[in-house]
N, C-alpha and C. Protein backbone atom coordinates (compact mmCIF):
# COMPACT_ATOMS: atom_id res chain seq x y z
N MET A 1 0.84 -1.17 0.00
CA MET A 1 0.00 0.00 0.00
C MET A 1 0.89 1.23 0.00
N SER A 2 0.59 2.19 -0.86
CA SER A 2 1.37 3.42 -0.94
C SER A 2 0.92 4.41 0.11
N THR A 3 1.89 5.08 0.72
CA THR A 3 1.56 6.11 1.70
C THR A 3 1.68 7.50 1.07
N GLU A 4 1.98 7.53 -0.22
CA GLU A 4 2.13 8.80 -0.91
C GLU A 4 0.78 9.50 -1.00
N THR A 5 0.77 10.78 -0.68
CA THR A 5 -0.45 11.56 -0.80
C THR A 5 -0.31 12.50 -1.99
N THR A 6 -1.41 12.74 -2.64
CA THR A 6 -1.40 13.67 -3.75
C THR A 6 -2.16 14.91 -3.36
N THR A 7 -1.75 16.01 -3.91
CA THR A 7 -2.42 17.27 -3.63
C THR A 7 -3.57 17.45 -4.61
N ALA A 8 -4.44 18.39 -4.28
CA ALA A 8 -5.57 18.69 -5.17
C ALA A 8 -5.06 19.16 -6.53
N ALA A 9 -3.98 19.95 -6.54
CA ALA A 9 -3.43 20.44 -7.81
C ALA A 9 -2.91 19.28 -8.66
N ALA A 10 -2.21 18.34 -8.03
CA ALA A 10 -1.68 17.19 -8.76
C ALA A 10 -2.82 16.31 -9.28
N ASP A 11 -3.87 16.14 -8.47
CA ASP A 11 -5.04 15.37 -8.91
C ASP A 11 -5.70 16.03 -10.12
N PHE A 12 -5.86 17.35 -10.06
CA PHE A 12 -6.47 18.08 -11.16
C PHE A 12 -5.62 17.96 -12.42
N ALA A 13 -4.32 18.12 -12.28
CA ALA A 13 -3.42 18.00 -13.43
C ALA A 13 -3.50 16.60 -14.04
N GLN A 14 -3.58 15.58 -13.19
CA GLN A 14 -3.67 14.20 -13.69
C GLN A 14 -4.98 13.98 -14.45
N ALA A 15 -6.08 14.49 -13.90
CA ALA A 15 -7.38 14.33 -14.56
C ALA A 15 -7.40 15.05 -15.91
N LEU A 16 -6.83 16.25 -15.95
CA LEU A 16 -6.78 17.00 -17.20
C LEU A 16 -5.89 16.30 -18.23
N THR A 17 -4.80 15.72 -17.76
CA THR A 17 -3.91 14.96 -18.65
C THR A 17 -4.63 13.75 -19.23
N GLU A 18 -5.39 13.04 -18.39
CA GLU A 18 -6.14 11.87 -18.87
C GLU A 18 -7.17 12.28 -19.92
N LEU A 19 -7.84 13.40 -19.71
CA LEU A 19 -8.80 13.89 -20.70
C LEU A 19 -8.09 14.21 -22.01
N ALA A 20 -6.97 14.93 -21.90
CA ALA A 20 -6.24 15.34 -23.10
C ALA A 20 -5.69 14.14 -23.87
N ASP A 21 -5.17 13.16 -23.15
CA ASP A 21 -4.58 11.99 -23.80
C ASP A 21 -5.63 11.04 -24.35
N GLY A 22 -6.75 10.93 -23.67
CA GLY A 22 -7.73 9.90 -24.02
C GLY A 22 -8.80 10.29 -25.00
N TYR A 23 -9.02 11.59 -25.18
CA TYR A 23 -10.13 12.03 -26.01
C TYR A 23 -9.72 13.16 -26.95
N PRO A 24 -8.95 12.83 -28.00
CA PRO A 24 -8.55 13.87 -28.94
C PRO A 24 -9.75 14.47 -29.66
N THR A 25 -9.67 15.75 -29.97
CA THR A 25 -10.78 16.43 -30.64
C THR A 25 -10.38 17.09 -31.94
N ASP A 26 -9.12 17.36 -32.11
CA ASP A 26 -8.68 18.15 -33.25
C ASP A 26 -7.83 17.31 -34.20
N PRO A 27 -7.71 17.74 -35.44
CA PRO A 27 -6.86 17.01 -36.39
C PRO A 27 -5.42 16.93 -35.90
N GLU A 28 -4.76 15.85 -36.25
CA GLU A 28 -3.37 15.68 -35.87
C GLU A 28 -2.56 16.87 -36.36
N GLY A 29 -1.67 17.35 -35.52
CA GLY A 29 -0.82 18.48 -35.88
C GLY A 29 -1.36 19.82 -35.44
N THR A 30 -2.60 19.85 -34.91
CA THR A 30 -3.15 21.11 -34.41
C THR A 30 -2.34 21.55 -33.20
N ALA A 31 -1.96 22.81 -33.18
CA ALA A 31 -1.17 23.32 -32.06
C ALA A 31 -2.01 23.31 -30.79
N PRO A 32 -1.48 22.73 -29.72
CA PRO A 32 -2.22 22.69 -28.46
C PRO A 32 -2.06 23.99 -27.67
N VAL A 33 -2.96 24.18 -26.74
CA VAL A 33 -2.84 25.22 -25.72
C VAL A 33 -2.15 24.54 -24.55
N ILE A 34 -1.13 25.16 -23.99
CA ILE A 34 -0.45 24.57 -22.84
C ILE A 34 -1.05 25.18 -21.57
N VAL A 35 -1.70 24.34 -20.79
CA VAL A 35 -2.26 24.75 -19.50
C VAL A 35 -1.26 24.28 -18.45
N THR A 36 -0.81 25.19 -17.60
CA THR A 36 0.14 24.83 -16.56
C THR A 36 -0.52 24.95 -15.20
N VAL A 37 -0.53 23.85 -14.47
CA VAL A 37 -1.05 23.82 -13.10
C VAL A 37 0.16 23.87 -12.18
N THR A 38 0.25 24.91 -11.36
CA THR A 38 1.34 25.03 -10.39
C THR A 38 0.80 24.63 -9.03
N ASP A 39 1.43 23.64 -8.43
CA ASP A 39 1.00 23.13 -7.14
C ASP A 39 1.52 24.05 -6.04
N PRO A 40 0.62 24.74 -5.32
CA PRO A 40 1.09 25.66 -4.28
C PRO A 40 1.77 24.95 -3.11
N ALA A 41 1.48 23.68 -2.93
CA ALA A 41 2.08 22.93 -1.82
C ALA A 41 3.52 22.54 -2.11
N THR A 42 3.83 22.30 -3.38
CA THR A 42 5.16 21.79 -3.73
C THR A 42 5.93 22.69 -4.69
N GLY A 43 5.24 23.60 -5.34
CA GLY A 43 5.87 24.44 -6.36
C GLY A 43 6.03 23.73 -7.69
N GLU A 44 5.68 22.45 -7.73
CA GLU A 44 5.81 21.68 -8.97
C GLU A 44 4.85 22.21 -10.03
N GLN A 45 5.34 22.30 -11.25
CA GLN A 45 4.51 22.73 -12.37
C GLN A 45 4.16 21.53 -13.23
N HIS A 46 2.89 21.48 -13.62
CA HIS A 46 2.38 20.40 -14.46
C HIS A 46 1.90 21.00 -15.77
N PRO A 47 2.74 21.04 -16.82
CA PRO A 47 2.27 21.56 -18.11
C PRO A 47 1.46 20.49 -18.84
N ILE A 48 0.28 20.87 -19.31
CA ILE A 48 -0.61 19.91 -19.97
C ILE A 48 -1.00 20.47 -21.33
N PRO A 49 -0.62 19.78 -22.42
CA PRO A 49 -1.06 20.23 -23.74
C PRO A 49 -2.51 19.84 -23.97
N ILE A 50 -3.34 20.83 -24.24
CA ILE A 50 -4.78 20.62 -24.43
C ILE A 50 -5.14 21.08 -25.85
N GLU A 51 -5.84 20.25 -26.58
CA GLU A 51 -6.29 20.64 -27.92
C GLU A 51 -7.38 21.70 -27.79
N PRO A 52 -7.49 22.60 -28.78
CA PRO A 52 -8.52 23.63 -28.72
C PRO A 52 -9.93 23.08 -28.48
N GLY A 53 -10.28 21.96 -29.11
CA GLY A 53 -11.60 21.37 -28.89
C GLY A 53 -11.79 20.89 -27.46
N GLN A 54 -10.73 20.37 -26.86
CA GLN A 54 -10.80 19.94 -25.47
C GLN A 54 -10.96 21.14 -24.55
N LEU A 55 -10.29 22.23 -24.90
CA LEU A 55 -10.41 23.45 -24.12
C LEU A 55 -11.85 23.96 -24.16
N ASP A 56 -12.50 23.82 -25.32
CA ASP A 56 -13.92 24.18 -25.44
C ASP A 56 -14.77 23.34 -24.48
N TRP A 57 -14.48 22.03 -24.39
CA TRP A 57 -15.22 21.15 -23.47
C TRP A 57 -15.08 21.63 -22.03
N VAL A 58 -13.85 21.87 -21.63
CA VAL A 58 -13.58 22.25 -20.24
C VAL A 58 -14.23 23.60 -19.94
N THR A 59 -14.16 24.52 -20.88
CA THR A 59 -14.79 25.83 -20.69
C THR A 59 -16.30 25.69 -20.54
N ALA A 60 -16.92 24.87 -21.39
CA ALA A 60 -18.37 24.65 -21.30
C ALA A 60 -18.73 23.99 -19.97
N LEU A 61 -17.91 23.07 -19.52
CA LEU A 61 -18.16 22.40 -18.24
C LEU A 61 -18.12 23.39 -17.09
N VAL A 62 -17.09 24.23 -17.06
CA VAL A 62 -16.96 25.21 -15.98
C VAL A 62 -18.12 26.21 -16.03
N ARG A 63 -18.45 26.69 -17.22
CA ARG A 63 -19.56 27.64 -17.33
C ARG A 63 -20.88 27.01 -16.90
N GLY A 64 -21.09 25.75 -17.25
CA GLY A 64 -22.30 25.05 -16.82
C GLY A 64 -22.39 24.93 -15.31
N GLU A 65 -21.26 24.63 -14.68
CA GLU A 65 -21.24 24.53 -13.22
C GLU A 65 -21.46 25.90 -12.58
N LEU A 66 -20.91 26.95 -13.17
CA LEU A 66 -21.16 28.30 -12.65
C LEU A 66 -22.64 28.62 -12.71
N ASP A 67 -23.30 28.26 -13.81
CA ASP A 67 -24.75 28.47 -13.91
C ASP A 67 -25.49 27.70 -12.83
N THR A 68 -25.06 26.46 -12.58
CA THR A 68 -25.68 25.65 -11.53
C THR A 68 -25.50 26.31 -10.17
N PHE A 69 -24.29 26.78 -9.88
CA PHE A 69 -24.03 27.43 -8.60
C PHE A 69 -24.89 28.68 -8.44
N ARG A 70 -24.97 29.47 -9.50
CA ARG A 70 -25.78 30.70 -9.42
C ARG A 70 -27.25 30.37 -9.19
N ALA A 71 -27.75 29.34 -9.86
CA ALA A 71 -29.15 28.96 -9.72
C ALA A 71 -29.44 28.41 -8.33
N ALA A 72 -28.44 27.88 -7.66
CA ALA A 72 -28.64 27.31 -6.33
C ALA A 72 -28.69 28.37 -5.25
N HIS A 73 -28.33 29.59 -5.60
CA HIS A 73 -28.29 30.68 -4.63
C HIS A 73 -29.20 31.80 -5.10
N PRO A 74 -30.48 31.75 -4.70
CA PRO A 74 -31.45 32.69 -5.24
C PRO A 74 -31.14 34.15 -4.92
N ASP A 75 -30.34 34.42 -3.88
CA ASP A 75 -30.03 35.81 -3.57
C ASP A 75 -28.97 36.37 -4.51
N GLY A 76 -28.36 35.51 -5.32
CA GLY A 76 -27.40 35.95 -6.32
C GLY A 76 -26.04 36.31 -5.79
N THR A 77 -25.78 36.11 -4.50
CA THR A 77 -24.49 36.48 -3.94
C THR A 77 -23.45 35.39 -4.14
N GLY A 78 -23.89 34.17 -4.43
CA GLY A 78 -22.96 33.06 -4.54
C GLY A 78 -22.69 32.41 -3.20
N LEU A 79 -23.26 32.96 -2.15
CA LEU A 79 -23.11 32.39 -0.81
C LEU A 79 -24.36 31.61 -0.46
N LEU A 80 -24.20 30.61 0.38
CA LEU A 80 -25.37 29.86 0.83
C LEU A 80 -26.26 30.77 1.66
N ALA A 81 -27.55 30.71 1.40
CA ALA A 81 -28.49 31.53 2.15
C ALA A 81 -28.64 30.97 3.55
N GLU A 82 -28.76 31.86 4.50
CA GLU A 82 -28.97 31.45 5.89
C GLU A 82 -30.42 31.03 6.08
N LEU A 83 -30.63 30.00 6.87
CA LEU A 83 -31.98 29.60 7.22
C LEU A 83 -32.51 30.56 8.27
N PRO A 84 -33.81 30.82 8.25
CA PRO A 84 -34.36 31.69 9.29
C PRO A 84 -34.20 31.03 10.66
N ALA A 85 -34.17 31.86 11.67
CA ALA A 85 -34.04 31.34 13.04
C ALA A 85 -35.19 30.39 13.33
N ASP A 86 -34.89 29.32 14.05
CA ASP A 86 -35.91 28.34 14.39
C ASP A 86 -36.74 28.89 15.55
N ASP A 87 -37.97 29.28 15.25
CA ASP A 87 -38.85 29.82 16.29
C ASP A 87 -39.74 28.75 16.90
N GLY A 88 -39.45 27.49 16.58
CA GLY A 88 -40.23 26.39 17.12
C GLY A 88 -41.41 26.01 16.26
N SER A 89 -41.64 26.74 15.16
CA SER A 89 -42.81 26.44 14.33
C SER A 89 -42.56 25.28 13.38
N ARG A 90 -41.30 24.93 13.17
CA ARG A 90 -41.00 23.80 12.29
C ARG A 90 -40.98 22.52 13.11
N PRO A 91 -41.45 21.42 12.51
CA PRO A 91 -41.44 20.15 13.26
C PRO A 91 -40.04 19.67 13.52
């Protein structure tokens, strides 16, 4: 059993690398965008070549999640709304 721990930045870089390697979107030879994840815990840099089509996927995913977050917070602040004080009227 490995006792090695991975940081959130390293996990993210690994997931992005798996996406880039496993699901090509652009014709061979298309210049990639290099996304670099710098791990604040270690200073290690993880450069990941991402095809433009893959970058479109990731952008759409993030924007979709932002829409979900905004819809979950009706006050529009992005913060969780506080529940009203319990006055004993709720079961």
